[in-house]
Amino acid sequence: ESVQQYSGLQQRLKQLRSLGAEVLCGVDATRLREGPLAKLEPFERIVFNFPLLPMKVHKSRASNHDVQIANRAMLVEFLRGAASFLRNDGVLLIANKDCYPYSWWRL
């Protein structure tokens, strides 16, 4: 699904993997322990680029405030679970915008 949604993604994934990166797509950020990460060794680095829940998970007519609360809750769950997947010297990187509404998440 991600490959069809973003042009050029296939080539970028291939390049990252050729450099030794392990790239996993489709991971549920709120259920890290239940997904494909569960049996892997801890990572040196975890990168979460522009975390945002897909619009299809929001109730129809959800207010902007509700959407922002849901996205913050997703980030909280991600941060709670991510630490257990990092090596002791590991790094967690989250790329995010610094304008509203993203700045409201207080990353």
C-alpha atoms as a PDB file:
ATOM      1  CA  GLU A   1       0.000   0.000   0.000  1.00  0.00           C
ATOM      2  CA  SER A   2       2.785   2.477   0.906  1.00  0.00           C
ATOM      3  CA  VAL A   3       4.648   1.827  -2.342  1.00  0.00           C
ATOM      4  CA  GLN A   4       1.601   2.809  -4.406  1.00  0.00           C
ATOM      5  CA  GLN A   5       0.844   5.850  -2.236  1.00  0.00           C
ATOM      6  CA  TYR A   6       4.297   7.502  -2.490  1.00  0.00           C
ATOM      7  CA  SER A   7       6.061   7.878  -5.811  1.00  0.00           C
ATOM      8  CA  GLY A   8       9.704   6.911  -5.705  1.00  0.00           C
ATOM      9  CA  LEU A   9       9.341   4.969  -2.464  1.00  0.00           C
ATOM     10  CA  GLN A  10      10.379   1.653  -3.984  1.00  0.00           C
ATOM     11  CA  GLN A  11      13.695   3.135  -5.138  1.00  0.00           C
ATOM     12  CA  ARG A  12      14.353   4.818  -1.768  1.00  0.00           C
ATOM     13  CA  LEU A  13      13.637   1.587   0.110  1.00  0.00           C
ATOM     14  CA  LYS A  14      15.993  -0.300  -2.183  1.00  0.00           C
ATOM     15  CA  GLN A  15      18.735   2.282  -1.585  1.00  0.00           C
ATOM     16  CA  LEU A  16      18.315   2.203   2.199  1.00  0.00           C
ATOM     17  CA  ARG A  17      18.391  -1.595   2.251  1.00  0.00           C
ATOM     18  CA  SER A  18      21.501  -1.672   0.040  1.00  0.00           C
ATOM     19  CA  LEU A  19      23.196   0.493   2.689  1.00  0.00           C
ATOM     20  CA  GLY A  20      22.361  -2.057   5.373  1.00  0.00           C
ATOM     21  CA  ALA A  21      19.232  -0.478   6.824  1.00  0.00           C
ATOM     22  CA  GLU A  22      16.408  -2.711   7.940  1.00  0.00           C
ATOM     23  CA  VAL A  23      13.247  -0.993   6.736  1.00  0.00           C
ATOM     24  CA  LEU A  24       9.859  -2.109   7.986  1.00  0.00           C
ATOM     25  CA  CYS A  25       6.614  -0.609   6.730  1.00  0.00           C
ATOM     26  CA  GLY A  26       3.107  -1.117   7.995  1.00  0.00           C
ATOM     27  CA  VAL A  27       4.107  -1.339  11.660  1.00  0.00           C
ATOM     28  CA  ASP A  28       1.322  -0.330  14.050  1.00  0.00           C
ATOM     29  CA  ALA A  29       2.995   2.319  16.192  1.00  0.00           C
ATOM     30  CA  THR A  30       0.561   1.676  19.049  1.00  0.00           C
ATOM     31  CA  ARG A  31       1.189  -2.087  19.172  1.00  0.00           C
ATOM     32  CA  LEU A  32       4.910  -2.510  18.631  1.00  0.00           C
ATOM     33  CA  ARG A  33       5.188  -5.630  20.786  1.00  0.00           C
ATOM     34  CA  GLU A  34       2.532  -7.440  18.745  1.00  0.00           C
ATOM     35  CA  GLY A  35       3.899  -6.744  15.275  1.00  0.00           C
ATOM     36  CA  PRO A  36       6.866  -7.694  13.122  1.00  0.00           C
ATOM     37  CA  LEU A  37       9.348  -6.123  15.544  1.00  0.00           C
ATOM     38  CA  ALA A  38       8.557  -8.558  18.347  1.00  0.00           C
ATOM     39  CA  LYS A  39      11.199 -11.158  17.431  1.00  0.00           C
ATOM     40  CA  LEU A  40      13.939  -8.850  16.165  1.00  0.00           C
ATOM     41  CA  GLU A  41      17.139  -7.833  17.901  1.00  0.00           C
ATOM     42  CA  PRO A  42      17.185  -4.313  19.369  1.00  0.00           C
ATOM     43  CA  PHE A  43      17.870  -1.539  16.869  1.00  0.00           C
ATOM     44  CA  GLU A  44      20.684   0.990  16.797  1.00  0.00           C
ATOM     45  CA  ARG A  45      18.233   3.581  15.510  1.00  0.00           C
ATOM     46  CA  ILE A  46      14.480   3.872  15.083  1.00  0.00           C
ATOM     47  CA  VAL A  47      13.169   6.572  12.755  1.00  0.00           C
ATOM     48  CA  PHE A  48       9.507   7.584  12.719  1.00  0.00           C
ATOM     49  CA  ASN A  49       8.977  10.028   9.863  1.00  0.00           C
ATOM     50  CA  PHE A  50       6.061  12.400  10.204  1.00  0.00           C
ATOM     51  CA  PRO A  51       3.838  10.354  12.505  1.00  0.00           C
ATOM     52  CA  LEU A  52       0.209  10.837  11.577  1.00  0.00           C
ATOM     53  CA  LEU A  53      -2.791   8.579  11.884  1.00  0.00           C
ATOM     54  CA  PRO A  54      -4.499   7.868   8.565  1.00  0.00           C
ATOM     55  CA  MET A  55      -7.767   9.740   8.151  1.00  0.00           C
ATOM     56  CA  LYS A  56      -9.668   6.456   7.797  1.00  0.00           C
ATOM     57  CA  VAL A  57      -9.179   5.689  11.512  1.00  0.00           C
ATOM     58  CA  HIS A  58     -11.000   8.830  12.624  1.00  0.00           C
ATOM     59  CA  LYS A  59     -14.742   8.861  13.092  1.00  0.00           C
ATOM     60  CA  SER A  60     -16.618  10.773  10.465  1.00  0.00           C
ATOM     61  CA  ARG A  61     -17.133  14.364  11.546  1.00  0.00           C
ATOM     62  CA  ALA A  62     -14.335  14.113  14.115  1.00  0.00           C
ATOM     63  CA  SER A  63     -13.311  17.571  15.259  1.00  0.00           C
ATOM     64  CA  ASN A  64      -9.826  18.861  14.632  1.00  0.00           C
ATOM     65  CA  HIS A  65      -9.251  18.715  18.390  1.00  0.00           C
ATOM     66  CA  ASP A  66     -10.220  15.010  18.490  1.00  0.00           C
ATOM     67  CA  VAL A  67      -7.854  14.256  15.610  1.00  0.00           C
ATOM     68  CA  GLN A  68      -4.993  16.002  17.414  1.00  0.00           C
ATOM     69  CA  ILE A  69      -5.711  14.143  20.655  1.00  0.00           C
ATOM     70  CA  ALA A  70      -5.741  10.825  18.753  1.00  0.00           C
ATOM     71  CA  ASN A  71      -2.389  11.610  17.127  1.00  0.00           C
ATOM     72  CA  ARG A  72      -0.838  12.563  20.466  1.00  0.00           C
ATOM     73  CA  ALA A  73      -2.180   9.361  22.027  1.00  0.00           C
ATOM     74  CA  MET A  74      -0.624   7.360  19.187  1.00  0.00           C
ATOM     75  CA  LEU A  75       2.733   9.029  19.836  1.00  0.00           C
ATOM     76  CA  VAL A  76       2.515   8.273  23.556  1.00  0.00           C
ATOM     77  CA  GLU A  77       1.894   4.590  22.832  1.00  0.00           C
ATOM     78  CA  PHE A  78       4.744   4.552  20.320  1.00  0.00           C
ATOM     79  CA  LEU A  79       7.181   6.128  22.781  1.00  0.00           C
ATOM     80  CA  ARG A  80       6.177   3.713  25.524  1.00  0.00           C
ATOM     81  CA  GLY A  81       6.896   0.728  23.310  1.00  0.00           C
ATOM     82  CA  ALA A  82       9.869   1.958  21.286  1.00  0.00           C
ATOM     83  CA  ALA A  83      12.381   2.022  24.146  1.00  0.00           C
ATOM     84  CA  SER A  84      12.305  -1.768  24.449  1.00  0.00           C
ATOM     85  CA  PHE A  85      13.346  -2.071  20.789  1.00  0.00           C
ATOM     86  CA  LEU A  86      16.427   0.124  21.094  1.00  0.00           C
ATOM     87  CA  ARG A  87      19.928  -0.954  22.032  1.00  0.00           C
ATOM     88  CA  ASN A  88      21.306   0.647  25.200  1.00  0.00           C
ATOM     89  CA  ASP A  89      23.194   3.150  23.029  1.00  0.00           C
ATOM     90  CA  GLY A  90      20.313   3.456  20.555  1.00  0.00           C
ATOM     91  CA  VAL A  91      18.680   6.583  19.221  1.00  0.00           C
ATOM     92  CA  LEU A  92      15.027   7.349  18.511  1.00  0.00           C
ATOM     93  CA  LEU A  93      14.384   9.965  15.821  1.00  0.00           C
ATOM     94  CA  ILE A  94      10.986  11.490  15.089  1.00  0.00           C
ATOM     95  CA  ALA A  95      10.720  13.824  12.106  1.00  0.00           C
ATOM     96  CA  ASN A  96       7.872  16.277  12.504  1.00  0.00           C
ATOM     97  CA  LYS A  97       6.744  19.686  11.323  1.00  0.00           C
ATOM     98  CA  ASP A  98       6.974  22.647  13.660  1.00  0.00           C
ATOM     99  CA  CYS A  99       3.771  24.384  12.617  1.00  0.00           C
ATOM    100  CA  TYR A 100       0.181  23.960  13.798  1.00  0.00           C
ATOM    101  CA  PRO A 101      -1.305  21.413  14.307  1.00  0.00           C
ATOM    102  CA  TYR A 102       1.887  19.352  14.617  1.00  0.00           C
ATOM    103  CA  SER A 103       3.515  21.768  17.056  1.00  0.00           C
ATOM    104  CA  TRP A 104       0.601  21.114  19.407  1.00  0.00           C
ATOM    105  CA  TRP A 105       1.890  17.568  19.911  1.00  0.00           C
ATOM    106  CA  ARG A 106       4.840  19.042  21.864  1.00  0.00           C
ATOM    107  CA  LEU A 107       7.500  16.665  20.620  1.00  0.00           C
END
